[in-house]
Amino acid sequence: MADIKKDYLTVSTYNAILHRQLQRDMNQLLIKDKLPVNITEMYLMVLILESQPISQRRASTTLAVDEGLMTRMVKHLTALGLIHKESSASDKRVKQLTLTKDGEKLLDYGLSQVNNWWESIEPDLKEIDINNLGRELFDISKVVLSDRHQTPLGNDRVDAELEK
């Protein structure tokens, strides 16, 4: 029996398409509803909710955003009173992020909009077990986020070039 070739490109491509469509539609909804956040900031708030407290650096790594963007998002969400940032008790250099009550309220509303988006396409997904798919993507995410699979960003090389 011949081995079935694994089509990683298809999985990657359609995962990216799905993500970008959701991101576009959610950003439009957030603007329409006059919410002061974008979908990337919502992702950060979800991550904080699920992991709180979480260090700012770990959040940056998990969401695969550079530390500059993370700093801007944290400043914005802190100024809005949606998250709280404080130094870790064990290491003052580590900044821990938690959600505020207002952050939880905004996130509840934002997540209801995500659910509405999925429910709008659900009738066309009759043959797909969305819960199983979610579990499988979660399992893949855990592997990708493990230290063994993290790709170094090479910031040390960039920093060295900037010092010249």
C-alpha atoms as a PDB file:
ATOM      1  CA  MET A   1       0.000   0.000   0.000  1.00  0.00           C
ATOM      2  CA  ALA A   2       1.447   3.385  -1.000  1.00  0.00           C
ATOM      3  CA  ASP A   3       1.996   6.036   1.639  1.00  0.00           C
ATOM      4  CA  ILE A   4      -0.447   8.900   1.423  1.00  0.00           C
ATOM      5  CA  LYS A   5       1.430  12.166   0.962  1.00  0.00           C
ATOM      6  CA  LYS A   6       0.648  14.673   3.691  1.00  0.00           C
ATOM      7  CA  ASP A   7      -0.542  17.949   2.196  1.00  0.00           C
ATOM      8  CA  TYR A   8       0.902  20.451   4.641  1.00  0.00           C
ATOM      9  CA  LEU A   9       0.713  23.271   2.110  1.00  0.00           C
ATOM     10  CA  THR A  10      -3.057  22.907   1.785  1.00  0.00           C
ATOM     11  CA  VAL A  11      -3.537  22.910   5.560  1.00  0.00           C
ATOM     12  CA  SER A  12      -1.308  25.980   5.897  1.00  0.00           C
ATOM     13  CA  THR A  13      -2.889  27.866   3.010  1.00  0.00           C
ATOM     14  CA  TYR A  14      -6.503  27.329   4.023  1.00  0.00           C
ATOM     15  CA  ASN A  15      -5.760  27.983   7.669  1.00  0.00           C
ATOM     16  CA  ALA A  16      -4.255  31.325   6.614  1.00  0.00           C
ATOM     17  CA  ILE A  17      -7.250  32.131   4.380  1.00  0.00           C
ATOM     18  CA  LEU A  18      -9.706  31.320   7.157  1.00  0.00           C
ATOM     19  CA  HIS A  19      -7.719  33.400   9.648  1.00  0.00           C
ATOM     20  CA  ARG A  20      -7.488  36.399   7.321  1.00  0.00           C
ATOM     21  CA  GLN A  21     -11.201  36.313   6.466  1.00  0.00           C
ATOM     22  CA  LEU A  22     -12.165  36.123  10.145  1.00  0.00           C
ATOM     23  CA  GLN A  23      -9.696  38.892  10.963  1.00  0.00           C
ATOM     24  CA  ARG A  24     -11.030  41.164   8.210  1.00  0.00           C
ATOM     25  CA  ASP A  25     -14.670  40.602   9.128  1.00  0.00           C
ATOM     26  CA  MET A  26     -14.053  41.001  12.858  1.00  0.00           C
ATOM     27  CA  ASN A  27     -12.094  44.233  12.398  1.00  0.00           C
ATOM     28  CA  GLN A  28     -15.002  45.592  10.339  1.00  0.00           C
ATOM     29  CA  LEU A  29     -17.481  44.588  13.056  1.00  0.00           C
ATOM     30  CA  LEU A  30     -15.342  46.130  15.802  1.00  0.00           C
ATOM     31  CA  ILE A  31     -15.187  49.398  13.841  1.00  0.00           C
ATOM     32  CA  LYS A  32     -18.940  49.309  13.137  1.00  0.00           C
ATOM     33  CA  ASP A  33     -19.643  48.750  16.837  1.00  0.00           C
ATOM     34  CA  LYS A  34     -17.219  51.577  17.697  1.00  0.00           C
ATOM     35  CA  LEU A  35     -15.128  49.313  19.894  1.00  0.00           C
ATOM     36  CA  PRO A  36     -11.665  50.770  20.588  1.00  0.00           C
ATOM     37  CA  VAL A  37      -9.726  47.567  19.830  1.00  0.00           C
ATOM     38  CA  ASN A  38      -8.747  45.524  16.795  1.00  0.00           C
ATOM     39  CA  ILE A  39      -8.802  41.760  16.391  1.00  0.00           C
ATOM     40  CA  THR A  40      -5.106  41.367  17.252  1.00  0.00           C
ATOM     41  CA  GLU A  41      -5.735  43.151  20.552  1.00  0.00           C
ATOM     42  CA  MET A  42      -8.719  40.852  21.075  1.00  0.00           C
ATOM     43  CA  TYR A  43      -6.441  37.843  20.529  1.00  0.00           C
ATOM     44  CA  LEU A  44      -4.120  39.269  23.182  1.00  0.00           C
ATOM     45  CA  MET A  45      -7.036  39.718  25.578  1.00  0.00           C
ATOM     46  CA  VAL A  46      -8.154  36.109  24.986  1.00  0.00           C
ATOM     47  CA  LEU A  47      -4.616  34.903  25.655  1.00  0.00           C
ATOM     48  CA  ILE A  48      -4.484  36.932  28.875  1.00  0.00           C
ATOM     49  CA  LEU A  49      -7.872  35.576  29.967  1.00  0.00           C
ATOM     50  CA  GLU A  50      -6.776  31.980  29.388  1.00  0.00           C
ATOM     51  CA  SER A  51      -3.330  32.377  30.977  1.00  0.00           C
ATOM     52  CA  GLN A  52      -3.510  35.199  33.463  1.00  0.00           C
ATOM     53  CA  PRO A  53      -1.219  36.331  34.564  1.00  0.00           C
ATOM     54  CA  ILE A  54       0.967  36.030  31.476  1.00  0.00           C
ATOM     55  CA  SER A  55       4.248  37.803  30.883  1.00  0.00           C
ATOM     56  CA  GLN A  56       4.316  40.379  28.136  1.00  0.00           C
ATOM     57  CA  ARG A  57       7.235  38.569  26.499  1.00  0.00           C
ATOM     58  CA  ARG A  58       5.417  35.189  26.518  1.00  0.00           C
ATOM     59  CA  ALA A  59       2.341  36.871  25.009  1.00  0.00           C
ATOM     60  CA  SER A  60       4.512  38.345  22.258  1.00  0.00           C
ATOM     61  CA  THR A  61       6.049  34.951  21.500  1.00  0.00           C
ATOM     62  CA  THR A  62       2.729  33.100  21.598  1.00  0.00           C
ATOM     63  CA  LEU A  63       0.968  35.539  19.268  1.00  0.00           C
ATOM     64  CA  ALA A  64       4.071  35.789  17.052  1.00  0.00           C
ATOM     65  CA  VAL A  65       4.152  39.589  17.152  1.00  0.00           C
ATOM     66  CA  ASP A  66       7.325  41.604  17.628  1.00  0.00           C
ATOM     67  CA  GLU A  67       7.932  43.161  21.005  1.00  0.00           C
ATOM     68  CA  GLY A  68       7.430  46.687  19.630  1.00  0.00           C
ATOM     69  CA  LEU A  69       3.890  45.898  18.481  1.00  0.00           C
ATOM     70  CA  MET A  70       3.230  44.098  21.760  1.00  0.00           C
ATOM     71  CA  THR A  71       4.381  47.160  23.713  1.00  0.00           C
ATOM     72  CA  ARG A  72       2.060  49.414  21.680  1.00  0.00           C
ATOM     73  CA  MET A  73      -0.893  47.060  22.169  1.00  0.00           C
ATOM     74  CA  VAL A  74      -0.251  46.794  25.923  1.00  0.00           C
ATOM     75  CA  LYS A  75       0.001  50.592  26.240  1.00  0.00           C
ATOM     76  CA  HIS A  76      -3.235  51.027  24.289  1.00  0.00           C
ATOM     77  CA  LEU A  77      -5.178  48.388  26.239  1.00  0.00           C
ATOM     78  CA  THR A  78      -3.810  49.689  29.551  1.00  0.00           C
ATOM     79  CA  ALA A  79      -4.794  53.266  28.676  1.00  0.00           C
ATOM     80  CA  LEU A  80      -8.317  52.023  27.882  1.00  0.00           C
ATOM     81  CA  GLY A  81      -8.462  50.275  31.257  1.00  0.00           C
ATOM     82  CA  LEU A  82      -8.937  46.859  29.632  1.00  0.00           C
ATOM     83  CA  ILE A  83      -5.771  45.199  30.951  1.00  0.00           C
ATOM     84  CA  HIS A  84      -3.493  45.711  33.911  1.00  0.00           C
ATOM     85  CA  LYS A  85       0.306  45.502  33.689  1.00  0.00           C
ATOM     86  CA  GLU A  86       2.528  45.052  36.722  1.00  0.00           C
ATOM     87  CA  SER A  87       5.964  43.767  37.572  1.00  0.00           C
ATOM     88  CA  SER A  88       6.233  40.174  38.694  1.00  0.00           C
ATOM     89  CA  ALA A  89       6.820  39.708  42.416  1.00  0.00           C
ATOM     90  CA  SER A  90       9.677  37.291  41.710  1.00  0.00           C
ATOM     91  CA  ASP A  91      11.399  39.359  38.985  1.00  0.00           C
ATOM     92  CA  LYS A  92      10.639  43.067  38.599  1.00  0.00           C
ATOM     93  CA  ARG A  93      11.875  42.999  34.983  1.00  0.00           C
ATOM     94  CA  VAL A  94       9.052  40.625  34.005  1.00  0.00           C
ATOM     95  CA  LYS A  95       5.793  42.432  33.211  1.00  0.00           C
ATOM     96  CA  GLN A  96       2.664  40.434  33.996  1.00  0.00           C
ATOM     97  CA  LEU A  97      -0.610  41.110  32.180  1.00  0.00           C
ATOM     98  CA  THR A  98      -4.115  40.537  33.546  1.00  0.00           C
ATOM     99  CA  LEU A  99      -7.589  41.537  32.351  1.00  0.00           C
ATOM    100  CA  THR A 100      -9.637  44.138  34.173  1.00  0.00           C
ATOM    101  CA  LYS A 101     -13.391  43.779  34.700  1.00  0.00           C
ATOM    102  CA  ASP A 102     -13.949  46.216  31.806  1.00  0.00           C
ATOM    103  CA  GLY A 103     -11.624  44.095  29.684  1.00  0.00           C
ATOM    104  CA  GLU A 104     -13.645  40.987  30.507  1.00  0.00           C
ATOM    105  CA  LYS A 105     -16.891  42.770  29.527  1.00  0.00           C
ATOM    106  CA  LEU A 106     -15.491  43.989  26.207  1.00  0.00           C
ATOM    107  CA  LEU A 107     -14.024  40.559  25.523  1.00  0.00           C
ATOM    108  CA  ASP A 108     -17.366  38.861  26.231  1.00  0.00           C
ATOM    109  CA  TYR A 109     -19.010  41.097  23.645  1.00  0.00           C
ATOM    110  CA  GLY A 110     -16.196  40.616  21.124  1.00  0.00           C
ATOM    111  CA  LEU A 111     -16.312  36.839  21.515  1.00  0.00           C
ATOM    112  CA  SER A 112     -20.073  36.880  20.984  1.00  0.00           C
ATOM    113  CA  GLN A 113     -19.346  38.572  17.655  1.00  0.00           C
ATOM    114  CA  VAL A 114     -16.865  35.811  16.781  1.00  0.00           C
ATOM    115  CA  ASN A 115     -19.550  33.239  17.605  1.00  0.00           C
ATOM    116  CA  ASN A 116     -22.043  35.123  15.414  1.00  0.00           C
ATOM    117  CA  TRP A 117     -19.537  35.041  12.537  1.00  0.00           C
ATOM    118  CA  TRP A 118     -19.119  31.271  12.848  1.00  0.00           C
ATOM    119  CA  GLU A 119     -22.864  30.710  13.230  1.00  0.00           C
ATOM    120  CA  SER A 120     -23.428  32.641   9.985  1.00  0.00           C
ATOM    121  CA  ILE A 121     -21.380  30.075   8.055  1.00  0.00           C
ATOM    122  CA  GLU A 122     -22.344  27.023  10.103  1.00  0.00           C
ATOM    123  CA  PRO A 123     -25.228  25.912   7.845  1.00  0.00           C
ATOM    124  CA  ASP A 124     -22.663  25.380   5.075  1.00  0.00           C
ATOM    125  CA  LEU A 125     -20.426  23.252   7.318  1.00  0.00           C
ATOM    126  CA  LYS A 126     -22.761  20.275   7.713  1.00  0.00           C
ATOM    127  CA  GLU A 127     -20.074  17.610   7.254  1.00  0.00           C
ATOM    128  CA  ILE A 128     -17.454  19.223   9.510  1.00  0.00           C
ATOM    129  CA  ASP A 129     -17.094  18.402  13.200  1.00  0.00           C
ATOM    130  CA  ILE A 130     -16.040  21.878  14.330  1.00  0.00           C
ATOM    131  CA  ASN A 131     -15.324  20.741  17.911  1.00  0.00           C
ATOM    132  CA  ASN A 132     -12.995  17.979  16.756  1.00  0.00           C
ATOM    133  CA  LEU A 133     -11.306  20.349  14.307  1.00  0.00           C
ATOM    134  CA  GLY A 134     -10.813  22.837  17.147  1.00  0.00           C
ATOM    135  CA  ARG A 135      -9.244  20.166  19.373  1.00  0.00           C
ATOM    136  CA  GLU A 136      -6.911  19.093  16.575  1.00  0.00           C
ATOM    137  CA  LEU A 137      -5.825  22.675  15.848  1.00  0.00           C
ATOM    138  CA  PHE A 138      -5.278  23.201  19.576  1.00  0.00           C
ATOM    139  CA  ASP A 139      -3.048  20.115  19.677  1.00  0.00           C
ATOM    140  CA  ILE A 140      -1.067  21.371  16.675  1.00  0.00           C
ATOM    141  CA  SER A 141      -0.744  24.808  18.336  1.00  0.00           C
ATOM    142  CA  LYS A 142       0.656  23.244  21.513  1.00  0.00           C
ATOM    143  CA  VAL A 143       3.354  21.502  19.488  1.00  0.00           C
ATOM    144  CA  VAL A 144       4.194  24.632  17.496  1.00  0.00           C
ATOM    145  CA  LEU A 145       4.406  26.708  20.683  1.00  0.00           C
ATOM    146  CA  SER A 146       6.661  24.242  22.465  1.00  0.00           C
ATOM    147  CA  ASP A 147      10.210  25.486  22.977  1.00  0.00           C
ATOM    148  CA  ARG A 148      11.478  22.690  20.750  1.00  0.00           C
ATOM    149  CA  HIS A 149       9.670  24.172  17.746  1.00  0.00           C
ATOM    150  CA  GLN A 150      10.152  27.902  18.342  1.00  0.00           C
ATOM    151  CA  THR A 151      12.123  29.558  15.569  1.00  0.00           C
ATOM    152  CA  PRO A 152      14.577  32.110  16.980  1.00  0.00           C
ATOM    153  CA  LEU A 153      13.746  35.582  15.725  1.00  0.00           C
ATOM    154  CA  GLY A 154      17.394  36.473  15.179  1.00  0.00           C
ATOM    155  CA  ASN A 155      17.004  39.783  17.001  1.00  0.00           C
ATOM    156  CA  ASP A 156      20.586  39.531  18.243  1.00  0.00           C
ATOM    157  CA  ARG A 157      21.813  39.760  14.625  1.00  0.00           C
ATOM    158  CA  VAL A 158      19.551  42.755  13.943  1.00  0.00           C
ATOM    159  CA  ASP A 159      20.639  44.433  17.190  1.00  0.00           C
ATOM    160  CA  ALA A 160      24.324  43.890  16.304  1.00  0.00           C
ATOM    161  CA  GLU A 161      23.790  45.445  12.865  1.00  0.00           C
ATOM    162  CA  LEU A 162      22.048  48.455  14.404  1.00  0.00           C
ATOM    163  CA  GLU A 163      24.976  49.023  16.756  1.00  0.00           C
ATOM    164  CA  LYS A 164      27.415  49.383  13.824  1.00  0.00           C
END
